[in-house]
N, C-alpha and C. Protein backbone atom coordinates (compact mmCIF):
# COMPACT_ATOMS: atom_id res chain seq x y z
N MET A 1 108.99 86.50 68.30
CA MET A 1 108.44 86.76 69.44
C MET A 1 107.96 85.95 70.00
N LYS A 2 107.65 86.04 71.59
CA LYS A 2 106.65 84.94 72.21
C LYS A 2 105.59 86.10 72.82
N SER A 3 103.88 85.98 72.74
CA SER A 3 103.98 87.23 73.94
C SER A 3 104.58 87.17 75.14
N LEU A 4 104.06 87.92 76.35
CA LEU A 4 104.50 87.79 77.12
C LEU A 4 103.42 86.79 78.18
N GLU A 5 101.99 86.55 77.84
CA GLU A 5 101.13 85.85 78.28
C GLU A 5 101.72 83.89 78.53
N GLN A 6 102.17 83.90 76.85
CA GLN A 6 102.79 82.86 76.24
C GLN A 6 104.28 82.31 77.19
N TYR A 7 104.71 83.36 77.79
CA TYR A 7 105.81 83.37 78.20
C TYR A 7 106.20 82.43 79.61
N TRP A 8 105.11 83.30 79.92
CA TRP A 8 105.21 82.89 81.61
C TRP A 8 104.01 81.69 81.68
N ASN A 9 103.04 81.56 80.80
CA ASN A 9 102.17 80.20 81.02
C ASN A 9 103.58 78.91 80.88
N GLU A 10 104.25 79.00 79.61
CA GLU A 10 105.09 78.22 79.60
C GLU A 10 105.75 78.50 80.83
N SER A 11 106.56 79.53 81.88
CA SER A 11 107.48 79.67 82.50
C SER A 11 107.02 78.70 83.50
N TYR A 12 105.21 78.99 84.02
CA TYR A 12 104.38 78.65 85.14
C TYR A 12 103.80 77.18 85.02
N GLN A 13 104.35 76.73 84.11
CA GLN A 13 103.57 75.08 84.02
C GLN A 13 104.77 73.99 84.83
N ARG A 14 105.69 74.45 85.53
CA ARG A 14 107.08 73.68 85.93
C ARG A 14 105.98 73.17 87.40
N THR A 15 106.62 71.90 87.32
CA THR A 15 105.75 71.19 88.59
C THR A 15 106.16 71.46 90.38
N ASP A 16 107.03 72.14 89.84
CA ASP A 16 108.48 72.26 91.00
C ASP A 16 107.95 73.42 91.85
N LEU A 17 107.23 74.50 91.63
CA LEU A 17 107.10 75.72 91.71
C LEU A 17 106.52 75.55 92.92
N THR A 18 107.59 76.22 94.03
CA THR A 18 107.28 76.93 95.24
C THR A 18 107.61 78.13 95.57
N LEU A 19 106.81 78.96 97.21
CA LEU A 19 106.76 79.93 97.36
C LEU A 19 107.83 80.36 97.76
N ARG A 20 108.66 81.55 97.68
CA ARG A 20 109.48 81.70 98.57
C ARG A 20 110.01 82.94 98.13
N TYR A 21 109.73 84.17 99.72
CA TYR A 21 109.99 85.00 99.53
C TYR A 21 111.46 85.95 100.64
N ASP A 22 111.85 86.88 99.83
CA ASP A 22 113.00 87.48 100.33
C ASP A 22 112.07 88.56 101.36
N ASN A 23 112.89 89.38 102.32
CA ASN A 23 112.19 90.10 103.17
C ASN A 23 112.74 91.76 102.85
N TRP A 24 112.61 92.06 101.37
CA TRP A 24 112.84 93.18 100.86
C TRP A 24 111.68 94.63 101.07
N LEU A 25 110.39 93.96 101.62
CA LEU A 25 109.94 94.94 102.01
C LEU A 25 109.59 94.75 103.66
N ASP A 26 110.64 94.78 104.65
CA ASP A 26 110.07 94.90 105.90
C ASP A 26 110.76 96.07 106.04
N LYS A 27 111.38 96.90 104.73
CA LYS A 27 111.58 98.16 105.79
C LYS A 27 109.90 99.20 105.71
N TYR A 28 109.09 98.76 104.57
CA TYR A 28 108.40 99.62 104.32
C TYR A 28 106.55 99.33 105.17
N VAL A 29 107.02 98.03 105.45
CA VAL A 29 105.29 97.63 106.62
C VAL A 29 105.09 98.71 107.87
N ASP A 30 105.90 99.08 108.25
CA ASP A 30 105.16 99.23 109.48
C ASP A 30 105.23 101.67 108.97
N ALA A 31 105.50 101.97 108.27
CA ALA A 31 105.66 103.03 107.58
C ALA A 31 103.81 103.28 106.62
N TYR A 32 104.00 101.99 105.83
CA TYR A 32 102.21 102.28 104.40
C TYR A 32 102.34 101.41 104.29
N PHE A 33 102.18 99.91 105.17
CA PHE A 33 100.93 98.99 104.96
C PHE A 33 99.68 99.80 106.52
N ILE A 34 98.89 99.43 106.01
CA ILE A 34 97.87 99.76 107.10
C ILE A 34 96.89 98.33 107.01
N LYS A 35 96.68 97.51 108.06
CA LYS A 35 95.94 96.46 108.16
C LYS A 35 94.45 96.62 108.31
N GLY A 36 93.39 96.16 107.59
CA GLY A 36 92.14 96.47 107.47
C GLY A 36 91.66 96.62 106.29
N VAL A 37 90.69 96.40 106.39
CA VAL A 37 89.32 96.27 104.84
C VAL A 37 89.72 97.42 103.77
N THR A 38 89.78 98.60 104.34
CA THR A 38 90.02 99.91 103.58
C THR A 38 91.44 99.76 103.09
N SER A 39 92.49 99.44 103.21
CA SER A 39 93.34 99.26 102.25
C SER A 39 93.47 98.33 100.99
N LEU A 40 94.22 98.88 100.39
CA LEU A 40 93.97 98.70 98.95
C LEU A 40 95.63 98.31 98.76
N ILE A 41 95.82 97.16 98.63
CA ILE A 41 97.35 96.53 98.74
C ILE A 41 97.27 95.76 97.22
N VAL A 42 98.53 96.58 96.24
CA VAL A 42 97.95 95.50 94.87
C VAL A 42 99.83 94.92 94.97
N ASP A 43 99.71 93.01 94.70
CA ASP A 43 100.52 93.06 94.39
C ASP A 43 100.39 92.86 92.25
N LEU A 44 101.34 93.57 91.91
CA LEU A 44 101.29 93.80 90.32
C LEU A 44 102.10 92.66 89.57
N GLY A 45 101.70 92.02 88.56
CA GLY A 45 102.94 90.73 88.45
C GLY A 45 102.94 89.70 89.70
N CYS A 46 102.23 89.02 89.80
CA CYS A 46 102.80 88.39 91.34
C CYS A 46 102.81 86.54 91.36
N GLY A 47 102.89 86.65 90.14
CA GLY A 47 104.07 85.41 89.74
C GLY A 47 102.47 84.25 90.35
N VAL A 48 103.84 83.47 91.44
CA VAL A 48 103.12 82.63 91.90
C VAL A 48 102.74 82.70 93.44
N GLY A 49 103.22 84.20 94.07
CA GLY A 49 102.55 85.06 94.67
C GLY A 49 103.58 85.06 96.27
N ASN A 50 104.82 85.04 95.52
CA ASN A 50 106.35 85.33 96.82
C ASN A 50 105.56 86.32 97.63
N ASN A 51 105.48 87.41 97.16
CA ASN A 51 105.15 88.60 97.44
C ASN A 51 103.92 88.92 98.63
N THR A 52 102.82 87.59 98.09
CA THR A 52 101.60 88.20 98.67
C THR A 52 101.86 87.19 99.63
N LYS A 53 102.46 86.43 99.74
CA LYS A 53 102.68 85.33 100.89
C LYS A 53 103.45 85.95 101.62
N TYR A 54 104.55 86.70 102.06
CA TYR A 54 104.96 87.21 102.68
C TYR A 54 103.99 88.26 103.67
N LEU A 55 102.81 89.12 102.57
CA LEU A 55 102.15 89.49 102.92
C LEU A 55 100.82 89.41 104.00
N VAL A 56 100.75 88.17 103.27
CA VAL A 56 99.50 87.21 104.17
C VAL A 56 99.63 86.64 105.55
N GLU A 57 100.83 86.71 105.58
CA GLU A 57 101.25 85.84 107.14
C GLU A 57 101.72 87.11 107.77
N ARG A 58 101.74 88.11 107.26
CA ARG A 58 101.19 89.40 107.86
C ARG A 58 100.31 90.25 108.29
N GLY A 59 99.67 89.67 108.11
CA GLY A 59 98.06 89.82 108.37
C GLY A 59 97.73 90.65 107.19
N PHE A 60 97.87 90.99 105.99
CA PHE A 60 97.17 91.84 105.41
C PHE A 60 96.13 91.39 103.94
N SER A 61 96.05 91.52 103.44
CA SER A 61 95.18 91.05 102.38
C SER A 61 95.38 91.61 100.65
N PRO A 62 96.14 91.53 100.51
CA PRO A 62 96.32 92.30 98.97
C PRO A 62 95.09 91.16 97.69
N ILE A 63 95.27 92.26 96.99
CA ILE A 63 95.11 92.04 95.44
C ILE A 63 96.21 91.33 94.90
N ALA A 64 95.97 90.14 94.20
CA ALA A 64 97.60 89.36 93.65
C ALA A 64 96.72 89.81 91.91
N CYS A 65 97.91 90.14 90.82
CA CYS A 65 97.07 90.74 89.37
C CYS A 65 98.76 89.56 88.84
N ASP A 66 98.29 88.80 87.61
CA ASP A 66 98.95 88.42 86.89
C ASP A 66 98.87 88.55 85.43
N ILE A 67 99.38 88.44 84.25
CA ILE A 67 98.86 88.02 83.32
C ILE A 67 98.91 86.50 82.82
N SER A 68 99.48 85.84 83.75
CA SER A 68 99.41 84.32 83.94
C SER A 68 98.65 82.97 84.30
N GLU A 69 97.58 83.12 83.45
CA GLU A 69 96.60 82.58 83.83
C GLU A 69 97.13 81.06 84.67
N LYS A 70 98.14 80.39 84.43
CA LYS A 70 99.55 79.33 84.98
C LYS A 70 99.33 80.03 85.99
N ALA A 71 100.20 81.10 86.67
CA ALA A 71 100.79 81.76 87.81
C ALA A 71 98.97 82.05 88.68
N ILE A 72 98.01 82.42 88.25
CA ILE A 72 96.79 82.73 88.78
C ILE A 72 96.27 80.99 90.33
N LYS A 73 96.63 80.44 88.54
CA LYS A 73 95.89 79.59 89.39
C LYS A 73 96.80 78.45 90.06
N LYS A 74 97.85 78.98 90.14
CA LYS A 74 98.93 78.04 91.30
C LYS A 74 98.66 79.02 92.36
N LEU A 75 99.10 80.51 92.44
CA LEU A 75 98.94 81.30 93.45
C LEU A 75 97.00 80.49 94.18
N ASN A 76 96.21 80.09 93.44
CA ASN A 76 94.93 80.12 94.13
C ASN A 76 95.34 78.75 95.07
N THR A 77 95.97 77.76 94.44
CA THR A 77 96.14 76.72 95.12
C THR A 77 97.27 77.02 96.61
N PHE A 78 97.65 77.80 96.88
CA PHE A 78 98.69 78.12 98.23
C PHE A 78 98.10 78.90 98.37
N MET A 79 97.01 79.70 98.10
CA MET A 79 96.09 80.77 99.16
C MET A 79 95.09 81.11 98.42
N PRO A 80 93.90 80.24 98.49
CA PRO A 80 92.66 80.04 98.16
C PRO A 80 91.72 81.87 98.67
N GLU A 81 91.98 82.03 99.26
CA GLU A 81 91.64 83.60 100.16
C GLU A 81 91.59 84.60 99.87
N ILE A 82 92.72 84.81 98.58
CA ILE A 82 93.15 85.80 98.13
C ILE A 82 92.47 86.16 96.51
N GLU A 83 92.13 86.94 97.06
CA GLU A 83 91.51 87.88 95.61
C GLU A 83 92.48 87.95 94.03
N VAL A 84 91.95 87.62 93.22
CA VAL A 84 92.83 87.85 91.85
C VAL A 84 92.38 88.26 90.98
N HIS A 85 93.15 88.73 90.54
CA HIS A 85 93.09 89.36 88.80
C HIS A 85 93.90 88.95 87.49
N CYS A 86 93.82 87.99 86.88
CA CYS A 86 94.53 87.76 85.20
C CYS A 86 93.97 88.68 84.61
N LEU A 87 95.01 89.59 84.01
CA LEU A 87 95.22 90.58 83.45
C LEU A 87 96.48 91.27 82.92
N ASP A 88 96.30 92.30 81.79
CA ASP A 88 97.60 92.51 81.82
C ASP A 88 98.33 93.79 81.52
N MET A 89 98.50 94.51 82.36
CA MET A 89 99.38 95.70 82.97
C MET A 89 99.41 96.73 81.37
N THR A 90 99.32 96.24 80.80
CA THR A 90 99.46 97.39 79.43
C THR A 90 98.35 97.45 78.84
N GLN A 91 97.12 96.95 79.46
CA GLN A 91 95.73 97.69 78.91
C GLN A 91 95.46 98.35 79.87
N GLY A 92 95.52 98.34 80.83
CA GLY A 92 95.02 99.37 82.21
C GLY A 92 94.80 98.50 83.61
N LEU A 93 94.77 99.27 84.27
CA LEU A 93 94.53 98.25 85.65
C LEU A 93 93.04 98.96 85.91
N PRO A 94 92.67 97.55 86.54
CA PRO A 94 91.14 97.85 87.00
C PRO A 94 90.62 98.40 88.38
N PHE A 95 91.40 99.64 88.67
CA PHE A 95 91.76 100.36 89.82
C PHE A 95 90.92 101.27 89.68
N GLY A 96 90.31 102.59 90.86
CA GLY A 96 89.71 103.71 90.39
C GLY A 96 91.01 104.44 90.71
N ASP A 97 90.53 105.80 90.48
CA ASP A 97 91.45 106.97 90.41
C ASP A 97 91.95 106.87 91.96
N HIS A 98 92.66 106.99 92.60
CA HIS A 98 93.55 107.74 93.76
C HIS A 98 93.02 106.39 94.89
N THR A 99 93.16 105.38 94.27
CA THR A 99 91.88 103.88 95.39
C THR A 99 92.61 102.95 96.00
N VAL A 100 94.35 102.72 95.69
CA VAL A 100 95.29 102.57 95.59
C VAL A 100 96.34 102.80 96.58
N ASP A 101 96.47 101.96 97.77
CA ASP A 101 97.46 102.26 99.27
C ASP A 101 98.94 101.81 99.21
N VAL A 102 99.30 100.74 98.32
CA VAL A 102 100.28 100.29 98.37
C VAL A 102 100.47 99.71 97.15
N LEU A 103 101.13 99.58 96.11
CA LEU A 103 101.37 98.60 94.76
C LEU A 103 102.90 98.22 94.67
N ILE A 104 102.58 97.13 94.64
CA ILE A 104 104.01 96.30 94.54
C ILE A 104 104.11 95.78 92.96
N ALA A 105 105.27 96.27 92.54
CA ALA A 105 105.44 95.57 91.30
C ALA A 105 106.88 95.22 91.45
N ASP A 106 107.24 94.02 91.57
CA ASP A 106 108.31 93.29 91.58
C ASP A 106 109.01 92.56 90.62
N LEU A 107 109.60 92.85 90.22
CA LEU A 107 110.68 92.75 88.64
C LEU A 107 109.68 92.33 87.72
N SER A 108 108.94 93.34 87.35
CA SER A 108 107.65 92.97 86.61
C SER A 108 107.53 94.42 85.67
N LEU A 109 107.99 94.72 85.53
CA LEU A 109 107.47 96.71 85.04
C LEU A 109 108.41 96.64 83.87
N HIS A 110 109.74 96.14 83.58
CA HIS A 110 110.18 96.03 82.62
C HIS A 110 111.17 95.17 81.52
N TYR A 111 110.17 95.21 81.10
CA TYR A 111 109.69 94.17 79.76
C TYR A 111 108.81 94.67 78.83
N PHE A 112 108.91 95.79 79.01
CA PHE A 112 107.82 96.31 77.31
C PHE A 112 108.86 97.85 76.85
N ASP A 113 108.78 98.07 75.96
CA ASP A 113 109.30 99.50 75.06
C ASP A 113 108.94 100.53 75.57
N GLU A 114 109.19 101.68 75.49
CA GLU A 114 109.43 102.82 76.58
C GLU A 114 108.07 103.30 76.37
N ARG A 115 107.57 103.50 75.54
CA ARG A 115 105.88 103.52 75.45
C ARG A 115 105.09 103.11 75.71
N THR A 116 105.41 101.97 76.17
CA THR A 116 104.56 100.82 77.02
C THR A 116 104.64 101.35 78.11
N THR A 117 105.76 101.03 78.51
CA THR A 117 106.52 101.26 79.92
C THR A 117 106.10 102.54 80.35
N ASN A 118 106.37 103.93 80.01
CA ASN A 118 105.09 105.25 79.93
C ASN A 118 103.87 104.85 80.55
N ASP A 119 103.49 104.71 79.90
CA ASP A 119 101.54 104.45 80.16
C ASP A 119 101.11 103.19 81.23
N VAL A 120 102.21 102.71 81.45
CA VAL A 120 102.39 101.73 82.57
C VAL A 120 102.11 102.35 83.85
N ILE A 121 103.42 103.13 83.77
CA ILE A 121 103.64 103.77 85.26
C ILE A 121 102.41 105.46 85.17
N ARG A 122 101.97 105.57 84.17
CA ARG A 122 101.06 106.72 84.04
C ARG A 122 99.75 106.25 85.03
N ASP A 123 99.45 105.07 84.25
CA ASP A 123 98.36 104.77 84.77
C ASP A 123 98.89 103.84 86.62
N ILE A 124 99.49 103.70 87.28
CA ILE A 124 100.30 103.55 88.48
C ILE A 124 100.07 104.63 89.32
N HIS A 125 100.39 105.80 88.32
CA HIS A 125 100.32 107.11 89.23
C HIS A 125 98.92 107.05 89.63
N ARG A 126 98.04 107.01 88.21
CA ARG A 126 96.90 107.59 88.01
C ARG A 126 96.03 107.05 89.86
N VAL A 127 96.06 105.23 89.69
CA VAL A 127 95.46 105.32 90.36
C VAL A 127 95.87 104.49 92.30
N LEU A 128 97.64 105.30 92.60
CA LEU A 128 97.48 105.61 94.00
C LEU A 128 96.78 106.55 94.21
N ASN A 129 96.66 106.72 95.53
CA ASN A 129 96.01 107.62 96.32
C ASN A 129 97.58 108.79 96.63
N LYS A 130 96.66 109.92 97.21
CA LYS A 130 97.82 110.90 96.98
C LYS A 130 98.77 110.59 98.43
N ASP A 131 98.96 109.82 99.16
CA ASP A 131 99.58 109.09 100.53
C ASP A 131 99.53 107.91 99.68
N GLY A 132 99.93 106.99 98.81
CA GLY A 132 100.02 106.19 98.68
C GLY A 132 101.54 105.87 97.83
N VAL A 133 102.20 104.90 98.07
CA VAL A 133 103.74 104.26 97.41
C VAL A 133 103.74 103.03 96.59
N LEU A 134 104.74 103.26 95.27
CA LEU A 134 104.79 102.38 94.79
C LEU A 134 106.33 101.71 94.98
N LEU A 135 106.50 100.41 95.56
CA LEU A 135 107.09 99.58 96.00
C LEU A 135 107.47 98.69 94.77
N CYS A 136 109.07 98.97 94.14
CA CYS A 136 108.95 98.28 92.38
C CYS A 136 110.63 97.37 92.65
N ARG A 137 110.76 96.67 91.92
CA ARG A 137 112.12 96.93 91.95
C ARG A 137 112.13 96.34 90.61
N LEU A 138 113.79 96.50 89.96
CA LEU A 138 113.93 95.99 88.35
C LEU A 138 114.98 95.69 87.75
N ASN A 139 115.39 95.06 86.42
CA ASN A 139 116.42 94.75 86.13
C ASN A 139 118.07 95.46 86.15
N SER A 140 118.33 95.30 86.65
CA SER A 140 120.46 96.51 86.61
C SER A 140 120.47 96.08 85.15
N ILE A 141 121.25 97.35 84.80
CA ILE A 141 121.93 97.29 83.56
C ILE A 141 123.40 96.33 83.92
N ASN A 142 123.14 95.86 85.40
CA ASN A 142 124.87 95.00 86.08
C ASN A 142 124.09 93.57 85.63
N GLU A 143 122.27 93.21 85.37
CA GLU A 143 122.68 92.12 85.32
C GLU A 143 122.38 91.45 83.69
N ILE A 144 122.56 92.66 82.18
CA ILE A 144 122.97 91.99 81.46
C ILE A 144 123.74 90.84 80.51
N ALA A 145 125.17 90.66 81.26
CA ALA A 145 125.46 90.08 81.78
C ALA A 145 125.14 88.13 82.23
N ASN A 146 124.53 88.33 83.13
CA ASN A 146 123.51 87.41 83.31
C ASN A 146 122.66 86.22 82.90
N LYS A 147 122.75 87.21 81.44
CA LYS A 147 120.99 86.93 80.42
C LYS A 147 121.25 86.21 79.64
N GLY A 148 122.78 85.45 79.51
CA GLY A 148 123.30 85.03 78.08
C GLY A 148 123.34 85.52 77.26
N GLU A 149 122.33 84.97 75.97
CA GLU A 149 122.55 85.38 74.11
C GLU A 149 121.83 87.07 74.47
N SER A 150 121.88 87.59 74.04
CA SER A 150 121.04 88.22 73.97
C SER A 150 120.92 89.25 72.59
N THR A 151 119.69 89.78 71.85
CA THR A 151 119.87 90.57 70.64
C THR A 151 119.81 91.85 71.56
N PRO A 152 120.53 93.34 70.47
CA PRO A 152 119.56 94.88 71.33
C PRO A 152 118.27 94.98 70.24
N SER A 153 117.86 95.92 70.52
CA SER A 153 116.43 96.27 70.16
C SER A 153 116.78 97.78 69.78
N HIS A 154 115.55 97.97 68.74
CA HIS A 154 115.84 99.65 68.54
C HIS A 154 116.29 100.82 69.63
N GLU A 155 115.48 100.36 70.62
CA GLU A 155 115.79 101.10 71.88
C GLU A 155 117.15 100.90 72.85
N ALA A 156 117.68 101.86 73.44
CA ALA A 156 118.69 101.12 74.52
C ALA A 156 118.84 101.05 75.43
N TYR A 157 118.88 99.94 75.97
CA TYR A 157 118.96 99.07 77.69
C TYR A 157 117.54 98.50 77.19
N LEU A 158 117.16 98.19 76.05
CA LEU A 158 116.14 96.77 75.86
C LEU A 158 115.97 95.68 74.69
N LEU A 159 116.14 94.76 75.39
CA LEU A 159 117.29 93.57 74.98
C LEU A 159 115.65 92.66 74.38
N GLU A 160 116.05 91.59 73.53
CA GLU A 160 115.16 90.71 73.25
C GLU A 160 116.19 89.24 74.00
N ASN A 161 115.72 89.21 74.83
CA ASN A 161 116.03 87.96 75.51
C ASN A 161 115.09 86.67 75.93
N GLN A 162 115.44 85.62 75.32
CA GLN A 162 114.00 84.30 75.50
C GLN A 162 113.41 84.60 74.75
N GLY A 163 113.15 85.19 73.90
CA GLY A 163 111.73 85.39 72.76
C GLY A 163 111.37 86.93 73.83
N ILE A 164 110.86 87.52 74.26
CA ILE A 164 110.76 88.48 75.14
C ILE A 164 111.91 89.89 75.14
N TYR A 165 111.01 90.61 75.30
CA TYR A 165 111.87 92.01 75.73
C TYR A 165 112.26 91.63 77.10
N ARG A 166 113.35 92.76 77.59
CA ARG A 166 113.59 93.39 78.42
C ARG A 166 114.08 93.92 79.15
N ARG A 167 113.72 94.74 79.51
CA ARG A 167 114.66 96.60 79.68
C ARG A 167 115.48 95.93 81.63
N PHE A 168 116.77 97.60 81.22
CA PHE A 168 117.54 97.24 81.61
C PHE A 168 117.81 98.90 81.90
N PHE A 169 118.20 99.00 83.50
CA PHE A 169 117.97 100.17 84.20
C PHE A 169 119.07 100.62 85.11
N ASP A 170 119.86 101.67 84.96
CA ASP A 170 120.62 102.46 85.81
C ASP A 170 119.56 103.43 86.40
N ARG A 171 120.29 104.48 87.54
CA ARG A 171 119.80 105.96 87.98
C ARG A 171 119.66 106.53 87.15
N GLY A 172 119.86 106.67 86.46
CA GLY A 172 119.74 107.78 85.07
C GLY A 172 118.41 106.88 84.05
N GLU A 173 118.53 105.23 84.20
CA GLU A 173 116.85 105.19 83.49
C GLU A 173 115.94 105.45 84.21
N ILE A 174 116.11 104.99 85.29
CA ILE A 174 115.26 104.76 86.24
C ILE A 174 114.68 106.33 86.58
N GLU A 175 115.36 107.16 86.60
CA GLU A 175 114.86 108.66 86.82
C GLU A 175 114.37 109.53 85.54
N ARG A 176 114.55 108.96 84.61
CA ARG A 176 113.88 109.21 83.12
C ARG A 176 112.91 108.72 83.07
N PHE A 177 112.08 107.56 83.38
CA PHE A 177 110.73 106.81 83.63
C PHE A 177 110.05 107.54 84.90
N PHE A 178 110.81 107.53 85.93
CA PHE A 178 110.34 108.14 87.34
C PHE A 178 110.40 109.59 87.54
N GLU A 179 110.24 110.86 86.62
CA GLU A 179 110.52 112.16 86.63
C GLU A 179 109.91 112.63 88.02
N GLU A 180 110.99 113.45 88.88
CA GLU A 180 110.31 114.10 90.33
C GLU A 180 109.91 114.84 90.02
N LYS A 181 109.22 115.10 88.44
CA LYS A 181 107.82 116.59 89.10
C LYS A 181 106.44 115.87 88.88
N ASP A 182 106.90 113.95 89.06
CA ASP A 182 105.65 113.21 89.37
C ASP A 182 105.44 112.73 90.13
N TRP A 183 107.06 111.54 90.89
CA TRP A 183 107.33 111.08 91.85
C TRP A 183 108.22 111.89 93.04
N GLN A 184 108.00 111.25 94.53
CA GLN A 184 108.78 111.36 94.97
C GLN A 184 109.53 110.32 95.87
N TYR A 185 111.09 110.71 95.35
CA TYR A 185 112.09 109.68 95.93
C TYR A 185 111.84 108.87 97.09
N ILE A 186 111.58 107.72 97.92
CA ILE A 186 111.55 107.50 98.92
C ILE A 186 113.09 106.82 99.01
N PHE A 187 113.68 105.71 98.05
CA PHE A 187 114.58 104.83 97.64
C PHE A 187 114.72 104.58 96.91
N ALA A 188 116.19 104.16 96.83
CA ALA A 188 117.33 103.70 95.27
C ALA A 188 117.93 102.92 95.84
N GLU A 189 118.09 101.49 95.95
CA GLU A 189 119.36 101.00 95.38
C GLU A 189 119.43 100.09 94.47
N GLU A 190 120.77 99.61 94.58
CA GLU A 190 120.89 98.35 94.01
C GLU A 190 122.12 97.43 94.27
N TYR A 191 121.66 96.52 94.50
CA TYR A 191 121.78 95.50 94.86
C TYR A 191 121.49 93.93 94.08
N GLU A 192 122.62 92.91 94.76
CA GLU A 192 122.61 91.88 94.35
C GLU A 192 121.39 91.25 94.73
N MET A 193 120.46 90.44 94.39
CA MET A 193 119.44 89.34 95.32
C MET A 193 119.83 87.94 94.86
N ASP A 194 119.75 86.70 95.91
CA ASP A 194 119.78 85.81 96.06
C ASP A 194 118.39 84.88 96.25
N ARG A 195 117.38 85.08 95.84
CA ARG A 195 116.59 84.77 96.27
C ARG A 195 116.02 83.41 95.02
N TYR A 196 116.52 83.77 94.01
CA TYR A 196 116.94 82.68 92.79
C TYR A 196 117.96 82.13 92.88
N THR A 197 117.95 80.61 92.52
CA THR A 197 119.37 79.77 92.29
C THR A 197 120.57 80.81 91.93
N ASN A 198 120.19 81.76 90.86
CA ASN A 198 120.94 82.38 90.00
C ASN A 198 120.98 83.69 90.62
N LYS A 199 122.48 84.10 91.26
CA LYS A 199 122.43 85.55 92.15
C LYS A 199 121.70 86.31 90.99
N LYS A 200 121.01 87.82 91.07
CA LYS A 200 120.32 88.79 90.31
C LYS A 200 120.80 90.47 91.09
N MET A 201 121.04 91.21 90.06
CA MET A 201 121.75 92.14 89.94
C MET A 201 120.06 93.07 89.64
N LEU A 202 119.31 93.85 90.72
CA LEU A 202 118.40 94.97 90.66
C LEU A 202 118.67 96.07 91.14
N TRP A 203 117.31 96.77 90.89
CA TRP A 203 117.68 98.44 91.61
C TRP A 203 115.88 98.14 91.86
N GLU A 204 116.04 98.47 93.49
CA GLU A 204 114.52 98.28 94.17
C GLU A 204 114.19 100.26 94.79
N VAL A 205 113.56 100.64 94.14
CA VAL A 205 112.68 101.95 94.17
C VAL A 205 111.70 101.87 94.63
N ALA A 206 111.22 102.56 95.60
CA ALA A 206 110.38 102.99 95.72
C ALA A 206 109.93 104.85 96.48
N LEU A 207 108.66 105.07 95.93
CA LEU A 207 108.19 105.88 95.18
C LEU A 207 107.07 106.56 95.77
N LYS A 208 107.07 108.04 95.96
CA LYS A 208 105.40 108.73 96.24
C LYS A 208 104.85 109.53 94.89
N PRO A 209 103.41 109.54 94.62
CA PRO A 209 103.01 110.04 93.88
C PRO A 209 102.89 111.75 94.22
N LYS A 210 103.34 112.60 93.33
CA LYS A 210 103.21 113.77 93.33
C LYS A 210 101.76 114.09 92.76
N LYS A 211 101.09 114.76 93.42
CA LYS A 211 99.44 114.65 93.13
C LYS A 211 98.93 116.22 92.33
N THR A 212 98.69 116.69 91.29
CA THR A 212 98.07 117.87 91.22
C THR A 212 96.85 117.66 91.05
N ASP A 213 96.15 119.07 90.69
CA ASP A 213 95.02 119.01 89.77
C ASP A 213 94.95 118.17 88.21
N ALA A 214 96.42 118.84 87.58
CA ALA A 214 96.61 118.72 86.29
C ALA A 214 97.17 116.80 86.19
N ASN A 215 97.60 116.59 86.91
CA ASN A 215 98.04 114.80 86.76
C ASN A 215 97.22 114.09 87.43
N GLY A 216 96.67 114.56 88.06
CA GLY A 216 95.68 113.45 89.41
C GLY A 216 95.96 113.16 90.23
């Protein structure tokens, strides 16, 4: 098994990488994005900056975070003005409680075992403010057939593929990890994305944290 850092550093060594975004964030911009220095927008698992570019072009200043130093360096060549953090989200997010207005996790939350996934989701809940929003996309179980040879793991919907773990979701799995006692669902839909060379089946989910004294 490779570490995620190793896997993504190898992936982002390609010299032909360009920024290419789809418009999945369009429906959220007017309602949840606020322009200004007091608005904290985090692109978690930013890669080379597809979603970051989308936001910058619309006048926002997100903080871009990724585990891959190679990805962060490439992003900086495209957008040197953007604040970046090279970090492992499984080790905790470097943001204070209730400080983040929008956290984007586009295809970056489905690489972990169940315990780690729950820990990351709890940390995202912690950093979001009471009016904040999580906008994420996740592998669909209908994407499994597109991944080629995979090896089952000790957990359902978690497969070993290309030397790393990948998790796959249906509606039930989404609701299991994002429990309604902690999250308010704004949007959840499965669809086929064609941003990449090969089409990809995914879930898009938008959620607001339910904040109490007990859970932050």
